[in-house]
Amino acid sequence: MINITDVRVRIVKQHEEGKLKAVASIIIDDCFAIHDIKIISGNDGIFIAMPSRKTSEGDFKDIAHPINTETRELIKEKVLKAYEQELANPRDPE
């Protein structure tokens, strides 16, 4: 099982608001970073989208993503918890 050792969340400013609510970065085992995890408001609530790029066909392909449900759920849980904490107690802009 992976160990997520840090989660950072940046709330998207109001004028940029739409479905994208925030962007997160995670650190795994103090040695591997994944940036640009999007926190999105969808029809069924808040969810995360892993970093992706647009293909020449116009589709989006994940650049980095978990390959099993257990890891995906762990990342989702940690990122959304950090998002809720940031909404409740925003950090001062750096």
PDB file of N, CA and C in Angstrom:
ATOM      1  N   MET A   1       0.844  -1.183   0.000  1.00  0.00           N
ATOM      2  CA  MET A   1       0.000   0.000   0.000  1.00  0.00           C
ATOM      3  C   MET A   1       0.887   1.244   0.000  1.00  0.00           C
ATOM      4  N   ILE A   2       0.492   2.216  -0.786  1.00  0.00           N
ATOM      5  CA  ILE A   2       1.260   3.458  -0.828  1.00  0.00           C
ATOM      6  C   ILE A   2       0.968   4.295   0.409  1.00  0.00           C
ATOM      7  N   ASN A   3       1.864   5.213   0.693  1.00  0.00           N
ATOM      8  CA  ASN A   3       1.693   6.135   1.797  1.00  0.00           C
ATOM      9  C   ASN A   3       1.725   7.545   1.225  1.00  0.00           C
ATOM     10  N   ILE A   4       0.609   8.239   1.279  1.00  0.00           N
ATOM     11  CA  ILE A   4       0.561   9.626   0.809  1.00  0.00           C
ATOM     12  C   ILE A   4       1.037  10.495   1.959  1.00  0.00           C
ATOM     13  N   THR A   5       2.213  11.099   1.784  1.00  0.00           N
ATOM     14  CA  THR A   5       2.853  11.819   2.871  1.00  0.00           C
ATOM     15  C   THR A   5       2.563  13.314   2.884  1.00  0.00           C
ATOM     16  N   ASP A   6       1.995  13.859   1.791  1.00  0.00           N
ATOM     17  CA  ASP A   6       1.630  15.277   1.771  1.00  0.00           C
ATOM     18  C   ASP A   6       0.586  15.504   0.693  1.00  0.00           C
ATOM     19  N   VAL A   7      -0.351  16.397   0.989  1.00  0.00           N
ATOM     20  CA  VAL A   7      -1.358  16.813   0.013  1.00  0.00           C
ATOM     21  C   VAL A   7      -1.451  18.327   0.088  1.00  0.00           C
ATOM     22  N   ARG A   8      -1.352  18.989  -1.053  1.00  0.00           N
ATOM     23  CA  ARG A   8      -1.505  20.448  -1.132  1.00  0.00           C
ATOM     24  C   ARG A   8      -2.663  20.746  -2.067  1.00  0.00           C
ATOM     25  N   VAL A   9      -3.520  21.671  -1.658  1.00  0.00           N
ATOM     26  CA  VAL A   9      -4.689  22.023  -2.456  1.00  0.00           C
ATOM     27  C   VAL A   9      -4.683  23.529  -2.698  1.00  0.00           C
ATOM     28  N   ARG A  10      -4.936  23.908  -3.960  1.00  0.00           N
ATOM     29  CA  ARG A  10      -5.082  25.326  -4.310  1.00  0.00           C
ATOM     30  C   ARG A  10      -6.503  25.521  -4.822  1.00  0.00           C
ATOM     31  N   ILE A  11      -7.289  26.319  -4.075  1.00  0.00           N
ATOM     32  CA  ILE A  11      -8.658  26.612  -4.466  1.00  0.00           C
ATOM     33  C   ILE A  11      -8.617  27.516  -5.700  1.00  0.00           C
ATOM     34  N   VAL A  12      -9.483  27.245  -6.670  1.00  0.00           N
ATOM     35  CA  VAL A  12      -9.571  28.073  -7.868  1.00  0.00           C
ATOM     36  C   VAL A  12     -10.331  29.345  -7.515  1.00  0.00           C
ATOM     37  N   LYS A  13      -9.839  30.481  -7.980  1.00  0.00           N
ATOM     38  CA  LYS A  13     -10.460  31.769  -7.668  1.00  0.00           C
ATOM     39  C   LYS A  13     -11.871  31.840  -8.225  1.00  0.00           C
ATOM     40  N   GLN A  14     -12.697  32.626  -7.569  1.00  0.00           N
ATOM     41  CA  GLN A  14     -14.115  32.738  -7.941  1.00  0.00           C
ATOM     42  C   GLN A  14     -14.314  33.079  -9.415  1.00  0.00           C
ATOM     43  N   HIS A  15     -13.577  34.044  -9.954  1.00  0.00           N
ATOM     44  CA  HIS A  15     -13.812  34.437 -11.347  1.00  0.00           C
ATOM     45  C   HIS A  15     -13.405  33.349 -12.336  1.00  0.00           C
ATOM     46  N   GLU A  16     -12.609  32.386 -11.897  1.00  0.00           N
ATOM     47  CA  GLU A  16     -12.220  31.267 -12.745  1.00  0.00           C
ATOM     48  C   GLU A  16     -13.164  30.077 -12.531  1.00  0.00           C
ATOM     49  N   GLU A  17     -14.095  30.249 -11.606  1.00  0.00           N
ATOM     50  CA  GLU A  17     -14.924  29.129 -11.172  1.00  0.00           C
ATOM     51  C   GLU A  17     -15.806  28.612 -12.296  1.00  0.00           C
ATOM     52  N   GLY A  18     -16.121  27.408 -12.208  1.00  0.00           N
ATOM     53  CA  GLY A  18     -17.003  26.674 -13.090  1.00  0.00           C
ATOM     54  C   GLY A  18     -17.113  25.333 -12.415  1.00  0.00           C
ATOM     55  N   LYS A  19     -16.874  24.287 -13.141  1.00  0.00           N
ATOM     56  CA  LYS A  19     -16.881  22.961 -12.529  1.00  0.00           C
ATOM     57  C   LYS A  19     -15.581  22.682 -11.782  1.00  0.00           C
ATOM     58  N   LEU A  20     -14.468  23.292 -12.215  1.00  0.00           N
ATOM     59  CA  LEU A  20     -13.181  23.110 -11.545  1.00  0.00           C
ATOM     60  C   LEU A  20     -13.178  23.911 -10.244  1.00  0.00           C
ATOM     61  N   LYS A  21     -13.016  23.209  -9.126  1.00  0.00           N
ATOM     62  CA  LYS A  21     -13.044  23.857  -7.817  1.00  0.00           C
ATOM     63  C   LYS A  21     -11.655  24.091  -7.231  1.00  0.00           C
ATOM     64  N   ALA A  22     -10.726  23.166  -7.516  1.00  0.00           N
ATOM     65  CA  ALA A  22      -9.386  23.274  -6.942  1.00  0.00           C
ATOM     66  C   ALA A  22      -8.443  22.356  -7.708  1.00  0.00           C
ATOM     67  N   VAL A  23      -7.154  22.553  -7.448  1.00  0.00           N
ATOM     68  CA  VAL A  23      -6.109  21.709  -8.027  1.00  0.00           C
ATOM     69  C   VAL A  23      -5.240  21.226  -6.869  1.00  0.00           C
ATOM     70  N   ALA A  24      -4.879  19.944  -6.897  1.00  0.00           N
ATOM     71  CA  ALA A  24      -4.107  19.358  -5.800  1.00  0.00           C
ATOM     72  C   ALA A  24      -2.812  18.737  -6.306  1.00  0.00           C
ATOM     73  N   SER A  25      -1.870  18.626  -5.392  1.00  0.00           N
ATOM     74  CA  SER A  25      -0.629  17.876  -5.609  1.00  0.00           C
ATOM     75  C   SER A  25      -0.480  16.922  -4.438  1.00  0.00           C
ATOM     76  N   ILE A  26       0.045  15.734  -4.715  1.00  0.00           N
ATOM     77  CA  ILE A  26       0.305  14.786  -3.641  1.00  0.00           C
ATOM     78  C   ILE A  26       1.754  14.331  -3.702  1.00  0.00           C
ATOM     79  N   ILE A  27       2.260  13.957  -2.542  1.00  0.00           N
ATOM     80  CA  ILE A  27       3.583  13.344  -2.432  1.00  0.00           C
ATOM     81  C   ILE A  27       3.368  11.927  -1.922  1.00  0.00           C
ATOM     82  N   ILE A  28       3.985  10.967  -2.607  1.00  0.00           N
ATOM     83  CA  ILE A  28       3.875   9.566  -2.228  1.00  0.00           C
ATOM     84  C   ILE A  28       5.205   9.110  -1.643  1.00  0.00           C
ATOM     85  N   ASP A  29       5.147   8.542  -0.429  1.00  0.00           N
ATOM     86  CA  ASP A  29       6.328   7.994   0.255  1.00  0.00           C
ATOM     87  C   ASP A  29       7.499   8.970   0.326  1.00  0.00           C
ATOM     88  N   ASP A  30       7.187  10.263   0.469  1.00  0.00           N
ATOM     89  CA  ASP A  30       8.220  11.310   0.568  1.00  0.00           C
ATOM     90  C   ASP A  30       9.191  11.312  -0.610  1.00  0.00           C
ATOM     91  N   CYS A  31       8.802  10.717  -1.759  1.00  0.00           N
ATOM     92  CA  CYS A  31       9.780  10.645  -2.846  1.00  0.00           C
ATOM     93  C   CYS A  31       9.193  10.771  -4.249  1.00  0.00           C
ATOM     94  N   PHE A  32       7.865  10.861  -4.401  1.00  0.00           N
ATOM     95  CA  PHE A  32       7.287  10.938  -5.735  1.00  0.00           C
ATOM     96  C   PHE A  32       6.103  11.889  -5.703  1.00  0.00           C
ATOM     97  N   ALA A  33       6.087  12.883  -6.613  1.00  0.00           N
ATOM     98  CA  ALA A  33       5.032  13.889  -6.636  1.00  0.00           C
ATOM     99  C   ALA A  33       4.122  13.701  -7.848  1.00  0.00           C
ATOM    100  N   ILE A  34       2.846  13.928  -7.634  1.00  0.00           N
ATOM    101  CA  ILE A  34       1.880  14.010  -8.728  1.00  0.00           C
ATOM    102  C   ILE A  34       1.181  15.351  -8.581  1.00  0.00           C
ATOM    103  N   HIS A  35       1.290  16.184  -9.620  1.00  0.00           N
ATOM    104  CA  HIS A  35       0.700  17.523  -9.627  1.00  0.00           C
ATOM    105  C   HIS A  35      -0.517  17.544 -10.545  1.00  0.00           C
ATOM    106  N   ASP A  36      -1.294  18.599 -10.414  1.00  0.00           N
ATOM    107  CA  ASP A  36      -2.428  18.876 -11.304  1.00  0.00           C
ATOM    108  C   ASP A  36      -3.557  17.854 -11.217  1.00  0.00           C
ATOM    109  N   ILE A  37      -3.819  17.371 -10.008  1.00  0.00           N
ATOM    110  CA  ILE A  37      -5.010  16.554  -9.784  1.00  0.00           C
ATOM    111  C   ILE A  37      -6.162  17.544  -9.625  1.00  0.00           C
ATOM    112  N   LYS A  38      -7.146  17.441 -10.485  1.00  0.00           N
ATOM    113  CA  LYS A  38      -8.246  18.405 -10.483  1.00  0.00           C
ATOM    114  C   LYS A  38      -9.376  17.931  -9.565  1.00  0.00           C
ATOM    115  N   ILE A  39      -9.927  18.881  -8.826  1.00  0.00           N
ATOM    116  CA  ILE A  39     -11.098  18.633  -7.992  1.00  0.00           C
ATOM    117  C   ILE A  39     -12.260  19.319  -8.710  1.00  0.00           C
ATOM    118  N   ILE A  40     -13.233  18.513  -9.122  1.00  0.00           N
ATOM    119  CA  ILE A  40     -14.288  18.981 -10.015  1.00  0.00           C
ATOM    120  C   ILE A  40     -15.653  18.732  -9.378  1.00  0.00           C
ATOM    121  N   SER A  41     -16.557  19.674  -9.598  1.00  0.00           N
ATOM    122  CA  SER A  41     -17.940  19.519  -9.167  1.00  0.00           C
ATOM    123  C   SER A  41     -18.737  18.964 -10.336  1.00  0.00           C
ATOM    124  N   GLY A  42     -19.271  17.765 -10.152  1.00  0.00           N
ATOM    125  CA  GLY A  42     -20.059  17.120 -11.199  1.00  0.00           C
ATOM    126  C   GLY A  42     -21.509  16.974 -10.784  1.00  0.00           C
ATOM    127  N   ASN A  43     -22.290  16.368 -11.635  1.00  0.00           N
ATOM    128  CA  ASN A  43     -23.720  16.170 -11.348  1.00  0.00           C
ATOM    129  C   ASN A  43     -23.949  15.315 -10.111  1.00  0.00           C
ATOM    130  N   ASP A  44     -23.009  14.411  -9.816  1.00  0.00           N
ATOM    131  CA  ASP A  44     -23.157  13.522  -8.661  1.00  0.00           C
ATOM    132  C   ASP A  44     -22.275  13.942  -7.490  1.00  0.00           C
ATOM    133  N   GLY A  45     -21.795  15.178  -7.480  1.00  0.00           N
ATOM    134  CA  GLY A  45     -20.965  15.675  -6.389  1.00  0.00           C
ATOM    135  C   GLY A  45     -19.534  15.921  -6.808  1.00  0.00           C
ATOM    136  N   ILE A  46     -18.676  16.098  -5.825  1.00  0.00           N
ATOM    137  CA  ILE A  46     -17.260  16.403  -6.044  1.00  0.00           C
ATOM    138  C   ILE A  46     -16.506  15.117  -6.370  1.00  0.00           C
ATOM    139  N   PHE A  47     -15.589  15.208  -7.357  1.00  0.00           N
ATOM    140  CA  PHE A  47     -14.729  14.072  -7.679  1.00  0.00           C
ATOM    141  C   PHE A  47     -13.364  14.583  -8.099  1.00  0.00           C
ATOM    142  N   ILE A  48     -12.398  13.674  -8.218  1.00  0.00           N
ATOM    143  CA  ILE A  48     -11.060  14.060  -8.664  1.00  0.00           C
ATOM    144  C   ILE A  48     -10.821  13.519 -10.070  1.00  0.00           C
ATOM    145  N   ALA A  49      -9.968  14.242 -10.805  1.00  0.00           N
ATOM    146  CA  ALA A  49      -9.520  13.799 -12.125  1.00  0.00           C
ATOM    147  C   ALA A  49      -7.998  13.858 -12.122  1.00  0.00           C
ATOM    148  N   MET A  50      -7.382  12.772 -12.500  1.00  0.00           N
ATOM    149  CA  MET A  50      -5.924  12.705 -12.520  1.00  0.00           C
ATOM    150  C   MET A  50      -5.379  13.589 -13.645  1.00  0.00           C
ATOM    151  N   PRO A  51      -4.091  13.979 -13.563  1.00  0.00           N
ATOM    152  CA  PRO A  51      -3.512  14.831 -14.607  1.00  0.00           C
ATOM    153  C   PRO A  51      -3.615  14.155 -15.978  1.00  0.00           C
ATOM    154  N   SER A  52      -3.945  14.954 -16.991  1.00  0.00           N
ATOM    155  CA  SER A  52      -4.140  14.383 -18.325  1.00  0.00           C
ATOM    156  C   SER A  52      -3.632  15.343 -19.392  1.00  0.00           C
ATOM    157  N   ARG A  53      -3.567  14.822 -20.618  1.00  0.00           N
ATOM    158  CA  ARG A  53      -3.204  15.652 -21.769  1.00  0.00           C
ATOM    159  C   ARG A  53      -4.190  15.357 -22.884  1.00  0.00           C
ATOM    160  N   LYS A  54      -4.362  16.331 -23.758  1.00  0.00           N
ATOM    161  CA  LYS A  54      -5.281  16.174 -24.880  1.00  0.00           C
ATOM    162  C   LYS A  54      -4.558  15.487 -26.029  1.00  0.00           C
ATOM    163  N   THR A  55      -5.182  14.468 -26.601  1.00  0.00           N
ATOM    164  CA  THR A  55      -4.593  13.755 -27.741  1.00  0.00           C
ATOM    165  C   THR A  55      -4.913  14.498 -29.033  1.00  0.00           C
ATOM    166  N   SER A  56      -4.277  14.096 -30.108  1.00  0.00           N
ATOM    167  CA  SER A  56      -4.542  14.719 -31.406  1.00  0.00           C
ATOM    168  C   SER A  56      -5.979  14.466 -31.868  1.00  0.00           C
ATOM    169  N   GLU A  57      -6.613  13.432 -31.337  1.00  0.00           N
ATOM    170  CA  GLU A  57      -8.014  13.143 -31.670  1.00  0.00           C
ATOM    171  C   GLU A  57      -8.994  13.959 -30.827  1.00  0.00           C
ATOM    172  N   GLY A  58      -8.473  14.719 -29.858  1.00  0.00           N
ATOM    173  CA  GLY A  58      -9.327  15.538 -29.016  1.00  0.00           C
ATOM    174  C   GLY A  58      -9.763  14.875 -27.726  1.00  0.00           C
ATOM    175  N   ASP A  59      -9.333  13.636 -27.506  1.00  0.00           N
ATOM    176  CA  ASP A  59      -9.641  12.940 -26.260  1.00  0.00           C
ATOM    177  C   ASP A  59      -8.616  13.314 -25.198  1.00  0.00           C
ATOM    178  N   PHE A  60      -8.923  13.022 -23.952  1.00  0.00           N
ATOM    179  CA  PHE A  60      -7.971  13.249 -22.864  1.00  0.00           C
ATOM    180  C   PHE A  60      -7.491  11.913 -22.337  1.00  0.00           C
ATOM    181  N   LYS A  61      -6.178  11.788 -22.142  1.00  0.00           N
ATOM    182  CA  LYS A  61      -5.557  10.572 -21.608  1.00  0.00           C
ATOM    183  C   LYS A  61      -4.835  10.943 -20.322  1.00  0.00           C
ATOM    184  N   ASP A  62      -5.047  10.133 -19.274  1.00  0.00           N
ATOM    185  CA  ASP A  62      -4.341  10.360 -18.015  1.00  0.00           C
ATOM    186  C   ASP A  62      -2.838  10.218 -18.223  1.00  0.00           C
ATOM    187  N   ILE A  63      -2.088  11.106 -17.601  1.00  0.00           N
ATOM    188  CA  ILE A  63      -0.626  11.042 -17.633  1.00  0.00           C
ATOM    189  C   ILE A  63      -0.141  10.111 -16.523  1.00  0.00           C
ATOM    190  N   ALA A  64      -0.764  10.218 -15.368  1.00  0.00           N
ATOM    191  CA  ALA A  64      -0.441   9.360 -14.223  1.00  0.00           C
ATOM    192  C   ALA A  64      -1.753   8.987 -13.568  1.00  0.00           C
ATOM    193  N   HIS A  65      -1.879   7.724 -13.179  1.00  0.00           N
ATOM    194  CA  HIS A  65      -3.114   7.296 -12.544  1.00  0.00           C
ATOM    195  C   HIS A  65      -2.891   5.986 -11.793  1.00  0.00           C
ATOM    196  N   PRO A  66      -3.710   5.750 -10.756  1.00  0.00           N
ATOM    197  CA  PRO A  66      -3.628   4.482 -10.036  1.00  0.00           C
ATOM    198  C   PRO A  66      -4.133   3.356 -10.926  1.00  0.00           C
ATOM    199  N   ILE A  67      -3.592   2.162 -10.730  1.00  0.00           N
ATOM    200  CA  ILE A  67      -4.013   1.044 -11.567  1.00  0.00           C
ATOM    201  C   ILE A  67      -4.935   0.076 -10.832  1.00  0.00           C
ATOM    202  N   ASN A  68      -5.291   0.414  -9.586  1.00  0.00           N
ATOM    203  CA  ASN A  68      -6.264  -0.422  -8.889  1.00  0.00           C
ATOM    204  C   ASN A  68      -7.222   0.457  -8.076  1.00  0.00           C
ATOM    205  N   THR A  69      -8.368  -0.087  -7.784  1.00  0.00           N
ATOM    206  CA  THR A  69      -9.432   0.652  -7.099  1.00  0.00           C
ATOM    207  C   THR A  69      -9.010   1.088  -5.702  1.00  0.00           C
ATOM    208  N   GLU A  70      -8.306   0.232  -4.988  1.00  0.00           N
ATOM    209  CA  GLU A  70      -7.875   0.554  -3.624  1.00  0.00           C
ATOM    210  C   GLU A  70      -7.016   1.816  -3.599  1.00  0.00           C
ATOM    211  N   THR A  71      -6.066   1.914  -4.506  1.00  0.00           N
ATOM    212  CA  THR A  71      -5.188   3.084  -4.553  1.00  0.00           C
ATOM    213  C   THR A  71      -5.959   4.320  -5.007  1.00  0.00           C
ATOM    214  N   ARG A  72      -6.838   4.168  -6.002  1.00  0.00           N
ATOM    215  CA  ARG A  72      -7.651   5.296  -6.474  1.00  0.00           C
ATOM    216  C   ARG A  72      -8.501   5.846  -5.333  1.00  0.00           C
ATOM    217  N   GLU A  73      -9.119   4.977  -4.551  1.00  0.00           N
ATOM    218  CA  GLU A  73      -9.956   5.407  -3.439  1.00  0.00           C
ATOM    219  C   GLU A  73      -9.135   6.111  -2.356  1.00  0.00           C
ATOM    220  N   LEU A  74      -7.935   5.605  -2.088  1.00  0.00           N
ATOM    221  CA  LEU A  74      -7.060   6.241  -1.100  1.00  0.00           C
ATOM    222  C   LEU A  74      -6.702   7.659  -1.537  1.00  0.00           C
ATOM    223  N   ILE A  75      -6.305   7.816  -2.790  1.00  0.00           N
ATOM    224  CA  ILE A  75      -5.947   9.147  -3.300  1.00  0.00           C
ATOM    225  C   ILE A  75      -7.166  10.067  -3.237  1.00  0.00           C
ATOM    226  N   LYS A  76      -8.312   9.577  -3.687  1.00  0.00           N
ATOM    227  CA  LYS A  76      -9.535  10.383  -3.674  1.00  0.00           C
ATOM    228  C   LYS A  76      -9.869  10.826  -2.251  1.00  0.00           C
ATOM    229  N   GLU A  77      -9.808   9.907  -1.312  1.00  0.00           N
ATOM    230  CA  GLU A  77     -10.131  10.219   0.087  1.00  0.00           C
ATOM    231  C   GLU A  77      -9.197  11.296   0.640  1.00  0.00           C
ATOM    232  N   LYS A  78      -7.898  11.131   0.439  1.00  0.00           N
ATOM    233  CA  LYS A  78      -6.914  12.084   0.985  1.00  0.00           C
ATOM    234  C   LYS A  78      -7.055  13.460   0.333  1.00  0.00           C
ATOM    235  N   VAL A  79      -7.237  13.496  -0.988  1.00  0.00           N
ATOM    236  CA  VAL A  79      -7.335  14.774  -1.698  1.00  0.00           C
ATOM    237  C   VAL A  79      -8.616  15.504  -1.305  1.00  0.00           C
ATOM    238  N   LEU A  80      -9.734  14.803  -1.266  1.00  0.00           N
ATOM    239  CA  LEU A  80     -10.991  15.467  -0.919  1.00  0.00           C
ATOM    240  C   LEU A  80     -11.027  15.907   0.539  1.00  0.00           C
ATOM    241  N   LYS A  81     -10.369  15.160   1.424  1.00  0.00           N
ATOM    242  CA  LYS A  81     -10.263  15.589   2.828  1.00  0.00           C
ATOM    243  C   LYS A  81      -9.448  16.883   2.920  1.00  0.00           C
ATOM    244  N   ALA A  82      -8.337  16.950   2.196  1.00  0.00           N
ATOM    245  CA  ALA A  82      -7.516  18.161   2.196  1.00  0.00           C
ATOM    246  C   ALA A  82      -8.280  19.335   1.584  1.00  0.00           C
ATOM    247  N   TYR A  83      -9.085  19.071   0.569  1.00  0.00           N
ATOM    248  CA  TYR A  83      -9.921  20.114  -0.052  1.00  0.00           C
ATOM    249  C   TYR A  83     -10.915  20.672   0.968  1.00  0.00           C
ATOM    250  N   GLU A  84     -11.607  19.796   1.679  1.00  0.00           N
ATOM    251  CA  GLU A  84     -12.566  20.234   2.695  1.00  0.00           C
ATOM    252  C   GLU A  84     -11.869  21.046   3.794  1.00  0.00           C
ATOM    253  N   GLN A  85     -10.679  20.616   4.199  1.00  0.00           N
ATOM    254  CA  GLN A  85      -9.927  21.352   5.219  1.00  0.00           C
ATOM    255  C   GLN A  85      -9.511  22.728   4.704  1.00  0.00           C
ATOM    256  N   GLU A  86      -9.111  22.804   3.436  1.00  0.00           N
ATOM    257  CA  GLU A  86      -8.717  24.091   2.854  1.00  0.00           C
ATOM    258  C   GLU A  86      -9.914  25.028   2.761  1.00  0.00           C
ATOM    259  N   LEU A  87     -11.081  24.509   2.426  1.00  0.00           N
ATOM    260  CA  LEU A  87     -12.283  25.345   2.389  1.00  0.00           C
ATOM    261  C   LEU A  87     -12.611  25.880   3.779  1.00  0.00           C
ATOM    262  N   ALA A  88     -12.445  25.034   4.802  1.00  0.00           N
ATOM    263  CA  ALA A  88     -12.770  25.430   6.173  1.00  0.00           C
ATOM    264  C   ALA A  88     -11.749  26.385   6.763  1.00  0.00           C
ATOM    265  N   ASN A  89     -10.486  26.201   6.421  1.00  0.00           N
ATOM    266  CA  ASN A  89      -9.386  27.006   6.983  1.00  0.00           C
ATOM    267  C   ASN A  89      -8.388  27.357   5.897  1.00  0.00           C
ATOM    268  N   PRO A  90      -8.729  28.318   5.031  1.00  0.00           N
ATOM    269  CA  PRO A  90      -7.815  28.633   3.930  1.00  0.00           C
ATOM    270  C   PRO A  90      -6.466  29.146   4.430  1.00  0.00           C
ATOM    271  N   ARG A  91      -5.424  28.714   3.739  1.00  0.00           N
ATOM    272  CA  ARG A  91      -4.075  29.202   4.049  1.00  0.00           C
ATOM    273  C   ARG A  91      -3.913  30.583   3.446  1.00  0.00           C
ATOM    274  N   ASP A  92      -3.002  31.340   4.021  1.00  0.00           N
ATOM    275  CA  ASP A  92      -2.673  32.633   3.429  1.00  0.00           C
ATOM    276  C   ASP A  92      -1.982  32.390   2.103  1.00  0.00           C
ATOM    277  N   PRO A  93      -2.235  33.249   1.086  1.00  0.00           N
ATOM    278  CA  PRO A  93      -1.534  33.082  -0.190  1.00  0.00           C
ATOM    279  C   PRO A  93      -0.036  33.166   0.009  1.00  0.00           C
ATOM    280  N   GLU A  94       0.686  32.297  -0.679  1.00  0.00           N
ATOM    281  CA  GLU A  94       2.150  32.257  -0.507  1.00  0.00           C
ATOM    282  C   GLU A  94       2.829  33.213  -1.427  1.00  0.00           C
TER     283      GLU A  94
END
